[in-house]
PDB file of N, CA and C in Angstrom:
ATOM      1  N   UNK A   1      -3.994  31.132 -11.660  1.00  0.00           N
ATOM      2  CA  UNK A   1      -4.182  29.975 -12.504  1.00  0.00           C
ATOM      3  C   UNK A   1      -4.234  29.828 -13.837  1.00  0.00           C
ATOM      4  N   UNK A   2      -3.422  29.251 -14.540  1.00  0.00           N
ATOM      5  CA  UNK A   2      -3.554  29.600 -15.700  1.00  0.00           C
ATOM      6  C   UNK A   2      -4.542  28.626 -16.350  1.00  0.00           C
ATOM      7  N   UNK A   3      -5.353  29.071 -17.350  1.00  0.00           N
ATOM      8  CA  UNK A   3      -6.759  28.678 -18.198  1.00  0.00           C
ATOM      9  C   UNK A   3      -6.176  27.318 -18.649  1.00  0.00           C
ATOM     10  N   UNK A   4      -7.171  26.273 -18.631  1.00  0.00           N
ATOM     11  CA  UNK A   4      -6.881  25.041 -19.230  1.00  0.00           C
ATOM     12  C   UNK A   4      -6.972  25.365 -20.781  1.00  0.00           C
ATOM     13  N   UNK A   5      -6.195  24.441 -21.640  1.00  0.00           N
ATOM     14  CA  UNK A   5      -6.061  24.441 -22.965  1.00  0.00           C
ATOM     15  C   UNK A   5      -6.798  23.154 -23.460  1.00  0.00           C
ATOM     16  N   UNK A   6      -7.686  23.220 -23.954  1.00  0.00           N
ATOM     17  CA  UNK A   6      -8.959  22.086 -23.925  1.00  0.00           C
ATOM     18  C   UNK A   6      -8.374  21.200 -24.798  1.00  0.00           C
ATOM     19  N   UNK A   7      -7.426  21.222 -25.781  1.00  0.00           N
ATOM     20  CA  UNK A   7      -6.643  20.262 -26.837  1.00  0.00           C
ATOM     21  C   UNK A   7      -5.614  19.580 -26.014  1.00  0.00           C
ATOM     22  N   UNK A   8      -5.040  20.301 -25.030  1.00  0.00           N
ATOM     23  CA  UNK A   8      -3.837  19.460 -24.433  1.00  0.00           C
ATOM     24  C   UNK A   8      -4.009  19.113 -22.850  1.00  0.00           C
ATOM     25  N   UNK A   9      -5.176  19.687 -22.175  1.00  0.00           N
ATOM     26  CA  UNK A   9      -5.336  19.364 -20.891  1.00  0.00           C
ATOM     27  C   UNK A   9      -6.603  18.465 -20.356  1.00  0.00           C
ATOM     28  N   UNK A  10      -7.218  17.753 -21.267  1.00  0.00           N
ATOM     29  CA  UNK A  10      -8.019  16.639 -21.148  1.00  0.00           C
ATOM     30  C   UNK A  10      -7.517  15.344 -21.382  1.00  0.00           C
ATOM     31  N   UNK A  11      -7.539  14.579 -20.593  1.00  0.00           N
ATOM     32  CA  UNK A  11      -6.963  13.194 -20.539  1.00  0.00           C
ATOM     33  C   UNK A  11      -7.729  12.187 -20.059  1.00  0.00           C
ATOM     34  N   UNK A  12      -7.990  11.007 -20.952  1.00  0.00           N
ATOM     35  CA  UNK A  12      -8.790  10.063 -20.274  1.00  0.00           C
ATOM     36  C   UNK A  12      -7.870   9.220 -19.105  1.00  0.00           C
ATOM     37  N   UNK A  13      -8.550   8.748 -18.462  1.00  0.00           N
ATOM     38  CA  UNK A  13      -8.110   7.875 -17.294  1.00  0.00           C
ATOM     39  C   UNK A  13      -6.796   6.856 -17.649  1.00  0.00           C
ATOM     40  N   UNK A  14      -7.126   5.929 -18.871  1.00  0.00           N
ATOM     41  CA  UNK A  14      -6.546   4.983 -19.256  1.00  0.00           C
ATOM     42  C   UNK A  14      -4.984   5.640 -19.424  1.00  0.00           C
ATOM     43  N   UNK A  15      -5.086   6.965 -20.461  1.00  0.00           N
ATOM     44  CA  UNK A  15      -3.934   7.866 -20.817  1.00  0.00           C
ATOM     45  C   UNK A  15      -3.162   8.243 -19.716  1.00  0.00           C
ATOM     46  N   UNK A  16      -3.909   8.816 -18.578  1.00  0.00           N
ATOM     47  CA  UNK A  16      -3.304   9.147 -17.350  1.00  0.00           C
ATOM     48  C   UNK A  16      -2.510   8.118 -16.753  1.00  0.00           C
ATOM     49  N   UNK A  17      -3.032   6.909 -16.362  1.00  0.00           N
ATOM     50  CA  UNK A  17      -2.454   5.930 -15.669  1.00  0.00           C
ATOM     51  C   UNK A  17      -1.159   5.662 -16.525  1.00  0.00           C
ATOM     52  N   UNK A  18      -1.069   5.393 -17.758  1.00  0.00           N
ATOM     53  CA  UNK A  18       0.172   5.057 -18.665  1.00  0.00           C
ATOM     54  C   UNK A  18       1.204   6.300 -18.377  1.00  0.00           C
ATOM     55  N   UNK A  19       0.897   7.386 -18.115  1.00  0.00           N
ATOM     56  CA  UNK A  19       1.825   8.700 -18.165  1.00  0.00           C
ATOM     57  C   UNK A  19       1.719   9.596 -17.040  1.00  0.00           C
ATOM     58  N   UNK A  20       1.564   8.778 -15.853  1.00  0.00           N
ATOM     59  CA  UNK A  20       1.321   9.880 -14.641  1.00  0.00           C
ATOM     60  C   UNK A  20       2.606  10.696 -14.288  1.00  0.00           C
ATOM     61  N   UNK A  21       3.518  10.163 -14.005  1.00  0.00           N
ATOM     62  CA  UNK A  21       4.810  11.055 -14.065  1.00  0.00           C
ATOM     63  C   UNK A  21       5.046  12.188 -14.902  1.00  0.00           C
ATOM     64  N   UNK A  22       4.643  11.907 -16.130  1.00  0.00           N
ATOM     65  CA  UNK A  22       4.702  12.948 -17.391  1.00  0.00           C
ATOM     66  C   UNK A  22       3.887  14.120 -17.098  1.00  0.00           C
ATOM     67  N   UNK A  23       2.454  13.594 -16.778  1.00  0.00           N
ATOM     68  CA  UNK A  23       1.206  14.471 -16.767  1.00  0.00           C
ATOM     69  C   UNK A  23       1.481  15.203 -15.376  1.00  0.00           C
ATOM     70  N   UNK A  24       1.982  14.718 -14.484  1.00  0.00           N
ATOM     71  CA  UNK A  24       2.265  15.593 -13.012  1.00  0.00           C
ATOM     72  C   UNK A  24       3.317  16.497 -13.343  1.00  0.00           C
ATOM     73  N   UNK A  25       4.468  16.474 -14.049  1.00  0.00           N
ATOM     74  CA  UNK A  25       5.328  17.427 -14.341  1.00  0.00           C
ATOM     75  C   UNK A  25       4.760  18.456 -15.492  1.00  0.00           C
ATOM     76  N   UNK A  26       3.975  17.764 -16.364  1.00  0.00           N
ATOM     77  CA  UNK A  26       3.351  19.042 -17.051  1.00  0.00           C
ATOM     78  C   UNK A  26       2.622  20.080 -16.280  1.00  0.00           C
ATOM     79  N   UNK A  27       1.492  19.527 -15.236  1.00  0.00           N
ATOM     80  CA  UNK A  27       0.752  20.320 -14.559  1.00  0.00           C
ATOM     81  C   UNK A  27       1.807  21.235 -13.647  1.00  0.00           C
ATOM     82  N   UNK A  28       2.856  20.527 -13.079  1.00  0.00           N
ATOM     83  CA  UNK A  28       3.515  21.554 -12.417  1.00  0.00           C
ATOM     84  C   UNK A  28       4.210  22.676 -13.190  1.00  0.00           C
ATOM     85  N   UNK A  29       4.563  22.252 -14.338  1.00  0.00           N
ATOM     86  CA  UNK A  29       5.555  23.474 -15.174  1.00  0.00           C
ATOM     87  C   UNK A  29       4.518  24.433 -15.505  1.00  0.00           C
ATOM     88  N   UNK A  30       3.628  23.781 -16.451  1.00  0.00           N
ATOM     89  CA  UNK A  30       2.274  24.752 -16.989  1.00  0.00           C
ATOM     90  C   UNK A  30       1.629  25.692 -15.938  1.00  0.00           C
ATOM     91  N   UNK A  31       1.480  25.041 -14.857  1.00  0.00           N
ATOM     92  CA  UNK A  31       0.607  25.354 -13.893  1.00  0.00           C
ATOM     93  C   UNK A  31      -0.994  25.762 -14.362  1.00  0.00           C
ATOM     94  N   UNK A  32      -1.310  24.637 -15.406  1.00  0.00           N
ATOM     95  CA  UNK A  32      -2.740  24.540 -15.727  1.00  0.00           C
ATOM     96  C   UNK A  32      -3.198  23.298 -15.148  1.00  0.00           C
ATOM     97  N   UNK A  33      -4.280  23.534 -14.700  1.00  0.00           N
ATOM     98  CA  UNK A  33      -4.866  22.204 -14.402  1.00  0.00           C
ATOM     99  C   UNK A  33      -5.181  20.735 -15.457  1.00  0.00           C
ATOM    100  N   UNK A  34      -5.377  19.903 -15.077  1.00  0.00           N
ATOM    101  CA  UNK A  34      -5.578  18.672 -16.125  1.00  0.00           C
ATOM    102  C   UNK A  34      -6.870  18.214 -15.566  1.00  0.00           C
ATOM    103  N   UNK A  35      -8.061  17.912 -16.497  1.00  0.00           N
ATOM    104  CA  UNK A  35      -9.160  17.167 -16.540  1.00  0.00           C
ATOM    105  C   UNK A  35      -8.746  15.614 -16.898  1.00  0.00           C
ATOM    106  N   UNK A  36      -9.347  14.876 -15.919  1.00  0.00           N
ATOM    107  CA  UNK A  36      -9.069  13.455 -15.970  1.00  0.00           C
ATOM    108  C   UNK A  36     -10.678  13.001 -16.284  1.00  0.00           C
ATOM    109  N   UNK A  37     -10.650  11.946 -17.515  1.00  0.00           N
ATOM    110  CA  UNK A  37     -12.232  11.583 -17.859  1.00  0.00           C
ATOM    111  C   UNK A  37     -12.419  10.251 -17.742  1.00  0.00           C
ATOM    112  N   UNK A  38     -13.118   9.751 -17.475  1.00  0.00           N
ATOM    113  CA  UNK A  38     -13.789   8.216 -17.490  1.00  0.00           C
ATOM    114  C   UNK A  38     -15.255   7.807 -17.940  1.00  0.00           C
ATOM    115  N   UNK A  39     -14.766   7.318 -18.860  1.00  0.00           N
ATOM    116  CA  UNK A  39     -15.863   6.671 -19.719  1.00  0.00           C
ATOM    117  C   UNK A  39     -16.565   8.075 -20.529  1.00  0.00           C
ATOM    118  N   UNK A  40     -15.599   8.942 -21.112  1.00  0.00           N
ATOM    119  CA  UNK A  40     -16.049   9.848 -21.792  1.00  0.00           C
ATOM    120  C   UNK A  40     -16.588  11.280 -20.925  1.00  0.00           C
ATOM    121  N   UNK A  41     -16.480  10.666 -19.753  1.00  0.00           N
ATOM    122  CA  UNK A  41     -17.138  12.225 -18.816  1.00  0.00           C
ATOM    123  C   UNK A  41     -15.896  12.643 -17.918  1.00  0.00           C
ATOM    124  N   UNK A  42     -16.024  13.914 -17.397  1.00  0.00           N
ATOM    125  CA  UNK A  42     -15.096  14.471 -16.717  1.00  0.00           C
ATOM    126  C   UNK A  42     -15.195  13.690 -15.242  1.00  0.00           C
ATOM    127  N   UNK A  43     -14.142  13.244 -14.690  1.00  0.00           N
ATOM    128  CA  UNK A  43     -14.257  12.393 -13.271  1.00  0.00           C
ATOM    129  C   UNK A  43     -13.426  13.205 -12.347  1.00  0.00           C
ATOM    130  N   UNK A  44     -12.407  14.119 -12.930  1.00  0.00           N
ATOM    131  CA  UNK A  44     -11.358  14.422 -11.420  1.00  0.00           C
ATOM    132  C   UNK A  44     -10.605  15.741 -12.271  1.00  0.00           C
ATOM    133  N   UNK A  45      -9.796  16.516 -11.595  1.00  0.00           N
ATOM    134  CA  UNK A  45      -9.174  17.412 -11.788  1.00  0.00           C
ATOM    135  C   UNK A  45      -7.722  17.420 -11.093  1.00  0.00           C
ATOM    136  N   UNK A  46      -6.627  17.383 -11.801  1.00  0.00           N
ATOM    137  CA  UNK A  46      -5.224  17.414 -11.413  1.00  0.00           C
ATOM    138  C   UNK A  46      -4.838  19.033 -11.371  1.00  0.00           C
ATOM    139  N   UNK A  47      -4.583  19.333 -10.110  1.00  0.00           N
ATOM    140  CA  UNK A  47      -3.844  20.809  -9.901  1.00  0.00           C
ATOM    141  C   UNK A  47      -2.662  20.793  -9.576  1.00  0.00           C
ATOM    142  N   UNK A  48      -1.814  21.525  -9.658  1.00  0.00           N
ATOM    143  CA  UNK A  48      -0.330  21.586  -9.024  1.00  0.00           C
ATOM    144  C   UNK A  48      -0.709  22.259  -7.531  1.00  0.00           C
ATOM    145  N   UNK A  49       0.145  21.912  -6.501  1.00  0.00           N
ATOM    146  CA  UNK A  49      -0.036  21.933  -5.304  1.00  0.00           C
ATOM    147  C   UNK A  49      -0.070  23.375  -5.030  1.00  0.00           C
ATOM    148  N   UNK A  50       0.805  24.670  -5.674  1.00  0.00           N
ATOM    149  CA  UNK A  50       0.934  25.807  -5.226  1.00  0.00           C
ATOM    150  C   UNK A  50      -0.407  26.730  -5.849  1.00  0.00           C
ATOM    151  N   UNK A  51      -0.747  26.071  -6.968  1.00  0.00           N
ATOM    152  CA  UNK A  51      -2.003  26.626  -7.502  1.00  0.00           C
ATOM    153  C   UNK A  51      -3.086  26.219  -6.635  1.00  0.00           C
ATOM    154  N   UNK A  52      -3.394  25.198  -6.119  1.00  0.00           N
ATOM    155  CA  UNK A  52      -4.301  24.698  -5.353  1.00  0.00           C
ATOM    156  C   UNK A  52      -4.537  25.407  -4.144  1.00  0.00           C
ATOM    157  N   UNK A  53      -3.165  25.794  -3.393  1.00  0.00           N
ATOM    158  CA  UNK A  53      -3.264  26.662  -2.229  1.00  0.00           C
ATOM    159  C   UNK A  53      -3.372  28.207  -2.596  1.00  0.00           C
ATOM    160  N   UNK A  54      -3.333  28.689  -3.702  1.00  0.00           N
ATOM    161  CA  UNK A  54      -3.533  29.871  -4.132  1.00  0.00           C
ATOM    162  C   UNK A  54      -5.119  30.118  -4.307  1.00  0.00           C
ATOM    163  N   UNK A  55      -5.747  28.984  -4.835  1.00  0.00           N
ATOM    164  CA  UNK A  55      -7.332  29.064  -4.918  1.00  0.00           C
ATOM    165  C   UNK A  55      -7.979  29.008  -3.577  1.00  0.00           C
ATOM    166  N   UNK A  56      -7.346  28.119  -2.862  1.00  0.00           N
ATOM    167  CA  UNK A  56      -7.799  28.212  -1.264  1.00  0.00           C
ATOM    168  C   UNK A  56      -7.901  29.518  -0.517  1.00  0.00           C
ATOM    169  N   UNK A  57      -6.766  30.192  -0.813  1.00  0.00           N
ATOM    170  CA  UNK A  57      -6.446  31.604  -0.463  1.00  0.00           C
ATOM    171  C   UNK A  57      -7.433  32.382  -0.824  1.00  0.00           C
ATOM    172  N   UNK A  58      -7.849  32.288  -2.187  1.00  0.00           N
ATOM    173  CA  UNK A  58      -8.770  33.133  -2.970  1.00  0.00           C
ATOM    174  C   UNK A  58     -10.301  33.023  -2.264  1.00  0.00           C
ATOM    175  N   UNK A  59     -10.433  31.516  -2.046  1.00  0.00           N
ATOM    176  CA  UNK A  59     -11.753  31.393  -1.536  1.00  0.00           C
ATOM    177  C   UNK A  59     -11.937  32.088  -0.376  1.00  0.00           C
ATOM    178  N   UNK A  60     -10.952  31.838   0.701  1.00  0.00           N
ATOM    179  CA  UNK A  60     -11.360  32.433   1.889  1.00  0.00           C
ATOM    180  C   UNK A  60     -11.243  33.752   2.158  1.00  0.00           C
ATOM    181  N   UNK A  61     -10.421  34.348   1.226  1.00  0.00           N
ATOM    182  CA  UNK A  61     -11.017  35.940   1.255  1.00  0.00           C
ATOM    183  C   UNK A  61     -12.161  36.222   0.948  1.00  0.00           C
ATOM    184  N   UNK A  62     -12.787  35.642  -0.367  1.00  0.00           N
ATOM    185  CA  UNK A  62     -13.714  35.826  -0.668  1.00  0.00           C
ATOM    186  C   UNK A  62     -15.039  35.756   0.008  1.00  0.00           C
ATOM    187  N   UNK A  63     -14.741  34.533   0.903  1.00  0.00           N
ATOM    188  CA  UNK A  63     -15.708  34.088   2.208  1.00  0.00           C
ATOM    189  C   UNK A  63     -15.511  35.361   3.399  1.00  0.00           C
ATOM    190  N   UNK A  64     -14.352  35.742   3.791  1.00  0.00           N
ATOM    191  CA  UNK A  64     -14.393  36.826   4.719  1.00  0.00           C
ATOM    192  C   UNK A  64     -14.966  38.175   4.264  1.00  0.00           C
ATOM    193  N   UNK A  65     -15.124  38.271   2.844  1.00  0.00           N
ATOM    194  CA  UNK A  65     -15.624  39.650   2.506  1.00  0.00           C
ATOM    195  C   UNK A  65     -17.109  39.623   2.384  1.00  0.00           C
ATOM    196  N   UNK A  66     -17.574  38.307   2.239  1.00  0.00           N
ATOM    197  CA  UNK A  66     -19.248  37.850   2.236  1.00  0.00           C
ATOM    198  C   UNK A  66     -19.487  38.035   3.798  1.00  0.00           C
ATOM    199  N   UNK A  67     -18.852  37.610   4.419  1.00  0.00           N
ATOM    200  CA  UNK A  67     -19.364  37.659   5.849  1.00  0.00           C
ATOM    201  C   UNK A  67     -19.026  39.024   6.400  1.00  0.00           C
ATOM    202  N   UNK A  68     -18.040  39.908   5.922  1.00  0.00           N
ATOM    203  CA  UNK A  68     -18.242  41.330   6.398  1.00  0.00           C
ATOM    204  C   UNK A  68     -19.118  42.150   5.848  1.00  0.00           C
ATOM    205  N   UNK A  69     -19.582  41.832   4.501  1.00  0.00           N
ATOM    206  CA  UNK A  69     -20.628  42.361   3.897  1.00  0.00           C
ATOM    207  C   UNK A  69     -22.044  42.135   4.564  1.00  0.00           C
ATOM    208  N   UNK A  70     -21.854  41.190   4.979  1.00  0.00           N
ATOM    209  CA  UNK A  70     -23.567  40.573   5.991  1.00  0.00           C
ATOM    210  C   UNK A  70     -23.290  41.468   7.211  1.00  0.00           C
ATOM    211  N   UNK A  71     -22.198  41.330   7.687  1.00  0.00           N
ATOM    212  CA  UNK A  71     -22.247  42.062   9.123  1.00  0.00           C
ATOM    213  C   UNK A  71     -22.314  43.601   8.793  1.00  0.00           C
ATOM    214  N   UNK A  72     -22.060  44.207   7.895  1.00  0.00           N
ATOM    215  CA  UNK A  72     -22.369  45.634   7.580  1.00  0.00           C
ATOM    216  C   UNK A  72     -23.715  45.669   7.293  1.00  0.00           C
ATOM    217  N   UNK A  73     -24.328  44.812   6.684  1.00  0.00           N
ATOM    218  CA  UNK A  73     -26.025  45.093   6.155  1.00  0.00           C
ATOM    219  C   UNK A  73     -26.614  44.788   7.521  1.00  0.00           C
ATOM    220  N   UNK A  74     -26.144  44.036   8.268  1.00  0.00           N
ATOM    221  CA  UNK A  74     -26.868  43.568   9.647  1.00  0.00           C
ATOM    222  C   UNK A  74     -26.779  44.753  10.667  1.00  0.00           C
ATOM    223  N   UNK A  75     -26.000  45.800  10.316  1.00  0.00           N
ATOM    224  CA  UNK A  75     -25.858  46.671  11.398  1.00  0.00           C
ATOM    225  C   UNK A  75     -24.351  46.444  12.416  1.00  0.00           C
ATOM    226  N   UNK A  76     -23.823  45.189  11.998  1.00  0.00           N
ATOM    227  CA  UNK A  76     -22.811  45.203  12.993  1.00  0.00           C
ATOM    228  C   UNK A  76     -21.503  45.698  12.756  1.00  0.00           C
ATOM    229  N   UNK A  77     -21.425  46.812  12.824  1.00  0.00           N
ATOM    230  CA  UNK A  77     -20.162  47.873  12.793  1.00  0.00           C
ATOM    231  C   UNK A  77     -20.133  48.650  13.837  1.00  0.00           C
ATOM    232  N   UNK A  78     -18.563  48.943  14.120  1.00  0.00           N
ATOM    233  CA  UNK A  78     -18.105  50.010  15.089  1.00  0.00           C
ATOM    234  C   UNK A  78     -17.444  51.012  14.456  1.00  0.00           C
ATOM    235  N   UNK A  79     -17.657  52.365  14.747  1.00  0.00           N
ATOM    236  CA  UNK A  79     -17.164  53.262  13.842  1.00  0.00           C
ATOM    237  C   UNK A  79     -15.312  53.390  14.504  1.00  0.00           C
ATOM    238  N   UNK A  80     -14.643  53.840  13.356  1.00  0.00           N
ATOM    239  CA  UNK A  80     -13.298  53.896  13.573  1.00  0.00           C
ATOM    240  C   UNK A  80     -13.022  54.496  14.725  1.00  0.00           C
ATOM    241  N   UNK A  81     -13.285  55.506  15.210  1.00  0.00           N
ATOM    242  CA  UNK A  81     -13.033  56.180  16.548  1.00  0.00           C
ATOM    243  C   UNK A  81     -13.173  55.347  17.541  1.00  0.00           C
ATOM    244  N   UNK A  82     -14.277  54.943  17.592  1.00  0.00           N
ATOM    245  CA  UNK A  82     -14.513  53.986  18.660  1.00  0.00           C
ATOM    246  C   UNK A  82     -13.908  52.775  18.914  1.00  0.00           C
ATOM    247  N   UNK A  83     -13.400  52.083  17.786  1.00  0.00           N
ATOM    248  CA  UNK A  83     -12.294  51.042  17.917  1.00  0.00           C
ATOM    249  C   UNK A  83     -11.206  51.669  18.379  1.00  0.00           C
ATOM    250  N   UNK A  84     -10.497  52.618  17.984  1.00  0.00           N
ATOM    251  CA  UNK A  84      -9.448  53.340  18.185  1.00  0.00           C
ATOM    252  C   UNK A  84      -9.453  53.376  19.758  1.00  0.00           C
ATOM    253  N   UNK A  85     -10.456  54.045  20.236  1.00  0.00           N
ATOM    254  CA  UNK A  85     -10.563  53.969  21.522  1.00  0.00           C
ATOM    255  C   UNK A  85     -10.193  52.990  22.432  1.00  0.00           C
ATOM    256  N   UNK A  86     -11.293  51.964  21.979  1.00  0.00           N
ATOM    257  CA  UNK A  86     -11.003  50.463  22.883  1.00  0.00           C
ATOM    258  C   UNK A  86      -9.642  49.833  22.726  1.00  0.00           C
ATOM    259  N   UNK A  87      -9.047  50.358  21.518  1.00  0.00           N
ATOM    260  CA  UNK A  87      -7.708  49.499  21.296  1.00  0.00           C
ATOM    261  C   UNK A  87      -6.673  50.429  22.181  1.00  0.00           C
ATOM    262  N   UNK A  88      -6.781  51.684  22.247  1.00  0.00           N
ATOM    263  CA  UNK A  88      -5.871  52.181  22.994  1.00  0.00           C
ATOM    264  C   UNK A  88      -6.258  52.151  24.546  1.00  0.00           C
ATOM    265  N   UNK A  89      -7.387  52.051  25.046  1.00  0.00           N
ATOM    266  CA  UNK A  89      -7.786  51.650  26.451  1.00  0.00           C
ATOM    267  C   UNK A  89      -7.064  50.291  27.006  1.00  0.00           C
ATOM    268  N   UNK A  90      -7.058  49.381  26.060  1.00  0.00           N
ATOM    269  CA  UNK A  90      -6.481  47.892  26.172  1.00  0.00           C
ATOM    270  C   UNK A  90      -5.270  48.172  26.194  1.00  0.00           C
ATOM    271  N   UNK A  91      -4.488  48.816  25.232  1.00  0.00           N
ATOM    272  CA  UNK A  91      -2.994  49.202  25.411  1.00  0.00           C
ATOM    273  C   UNK A  91      -2.408  49.882  26.819  1.00  0.00           C
ATOM    274  N   UNK A  92      -3.134  50.603  27.317  1.00  0.00           N
ATOM    275  CA  UNK A  92      -2.634  51.385  28.555  1.00  0.00           C
ATOM    276  C   UNK A  92      -3.056  50.470  29.744  1.00  0.00           C
ATOM    277  N   UNK A  93      -3.663  49.325  29.717  1.00  0.00           N
ATOM    278  CA  UNK A  93      -3.652  48.471  30.831  1.00  0.00           C
ATOM    279  C   UNK A  93      -2.440  47.721  31.333  1.00  0.00           C
TER     280      UNK A  93
END
């Protein structure tokens, strides 16, 4: 995901409402998120759909890594040779 440009990608809600289609197109083409503010404070972030999906995939991978690290630390591992034997035994059935 491209980094946000503070001078271009932060818009007040009133301005966003008046130019919704333009801002959605801008987010699609630049692949940068847009921060929508309300009463001077950040209220929401508008993301391109493909950028959102990519972000979710990255989070899922990081969560899988975290789970794997915990399993390793807890000793829940199986040696490669043992796994290989188990798989081959199942395939022979």
